[in-house]
Amino acid sequence: MTDNLGMSVLLEDPSDLAVHLAVIAGVLAEVLDQTQPDMLQRARYSAGILARDLPLPVARRIQAALRHLNVGTFLVPEPEMEAVPRSQRL
């Protein structure tokens, strides 16, 4: 992995959002220099994909901060993220 490759930060267990939403949003707000309410909304609707297309050092800062709070994450290079098809009504 190189520092200029866009990285996505994903939760190991998306159900962590239900238990740790405020903590996760706080980490995102601090590392990404955004407001807490904005990051609460982003995390709430993220489906476990907390951030996309970040520089590797920033993604690692988020990962380290969440690991310190016992929230597991993993990093995926942006080119390896597969597009999810749009949902359809049956």
Protein backbone atom coordinates (compact mmCIF):
# COMPACT_ATOMS: atom_id res chain seq x y z
CA MET A 1 0.00 0.00 0.00
CA THR A 2 1.23 3.48 -0.76
CA ASP A 3 0.48 6.72 1.02
CA ASN A 4 -1.23 8.26 -2.02
CA LEU A 5 -3.66 5.38 -2.60
CA GLY A 6 -7.20 6.20 -1.46
CA MET A 7 -8.30 4.01 1.43
CA SER A 8 -11.68 3.13 2.87
CA VAL A 9 -12.18 2.52 6.59
CA LEU A 10 -14.70 -0.24 7.35
CA LEU A 11 -15.97 -1.55 10.66
CA GLU A 12 -15.18 -5.20 11.36
CA ASP A 13 -18.64 -5.50 12.92
CA PRO A 14 -21.21 -2.96 11.63
CA SER A 15 -23.37 -3.65 14.69
CA ASP A 16 -20.74 -1.63 16.62
CA LEU A 17 -22.57 1.41 15.27
CA ALA A 18 -25.50 0.68 17.57
CA VAL A 19 -23.30 0.55 20.66
CA HIS A 20 -20.47 2.98 19.84
CA LEU A 21 -22.07 5.55 17.51
CA ALA A 22 -21.08 8.62 19.52
CA VAL A 23 -17.51 7.34 20.04
CA ILE A 24 -17.07 6.53 16.35
CA ALA A 25 -18.47 9.92 15.34
CA GLY A 26 -16.14 11.63 17.80
CA VAL A 27 -13.10 9.97 16.29
CA LEU A 28 -14.22 10.84 12.75
CA ALA A 29 -14.92 14.45 13.77
CA GLU A 30 -11.50 14.85 15.36
CA VAL A 31 -9.42 13.17 12.66
CA LEU A 32 -11.33 14.60 9.69
CA ASP A 33 -11.77 18.05 11.31
CA GLN A 34 -15.55 17.97 10.92
CA THR A 35 -18.41 18.70 13.30
CA GLN A 36 -19.71 16.05 15.68
CA PRO A 37 -23.32 16.28 14.37
CA ASP A 38 -22.14 15.84 10.77
CA MET A 39 -20.07 12.81 11.71
CA LEU A 40 -22.93 11.34 13.79
CA GLN A 41 -25.11 11.43 10.68
CA ARG A 42 -22.33 10.07 8.46
CA ALA A 43 -21.64 7.17 10.84
CA ARG A 44 -25.32 6.42 11.44
CA TYR A 45 -26.01 5.90 7.73
CA SER A 46 -22.62 4.43 6.81
CA ALA A 47 -23.61 0.73 6.94
CA GLY A 48 -20.14 0.15 8.35
CA ILE A 49 -18.20 2.08 5.70
CA LEU A 50 -16.96 4.96 7.85
CA ALA A 51 -14.87 6.83 5.30
CA ARG A 52 -13.78 6.49 1.70
CA ASP A 53 -10.90 7.69 -0.43
CA LEU A 54 -8.69 8.85 2.45
CA PRO A 55 -4.91 9.15 2.37
CA LEU A 56 -3.35 6.14 4.10
CA PRO A 57 -1.97 8.10 7.09
CA VAL A 58 -5.42 9.56 7.83
CA ALA A 59 -7.11 6.16 7.50
CA ARG A 60 -4.53 4.69 9.88
CA ARG A 61 -5.17 7.47 12.42
CA ILE A 62 -8.88 6.63 12.42
CA GLN A 63 -8.11 2.93 12.71
CA ALA A 64 -5.67 3.44 15.60
CA ALA A 65 -8.03 5.73 17.51
CA LEU A 66 -10.94 3.29 17.17
CA ARG A 67 -8.73 0.32 18.08
CA HIS A 68 -7.76 2.15 21.27
CA LEU A 69 -11.51 2.34 22.05
CA ASN A 70 -12.00 -1.39 21.27
CA VAL A 71 -13.78 -0.78 17.96
CA GLY A 72 -12.34 -3.00 15.22
CA THR A 73 -11.81 -1.69 11.70
CA PHE A 74 -9.98 -2.68 8.57
CA LEU A 75 -8.67 -0.71 5.61
CA VAL A 76 -9.45 -1.44 1.99
CA PRO A 77 -7.75 0.27 -0.96
CA GLU A 78 -10.35 2.26 -2.87
CA PRO A 79 -9.79 0.37 -6.16
CA GLU A 80 -10.78 -2.86 -4.39
CA MET A 81 -14.12 -1.48 -3.18
CA GLU A 82 -16.87 -2.96 -5.29
CA ALA A 83 -19.84 -0.89 -6.27
CA VAL A 84 -23.01 -2.20 -4.70
CA PRO A 85 -25.93 -2.36 -7.11
CA ARG A 86 -28.89 -0.12 -6.40
CA SER A 87 -31.72 -1.77 -4.56
CA GLN A 88 -34.83 -2.66 -6.50
CA ARG A 89 -38.40 -3.12 -5.45
CA LEU A 90 -39.88 -6.46 -6.23
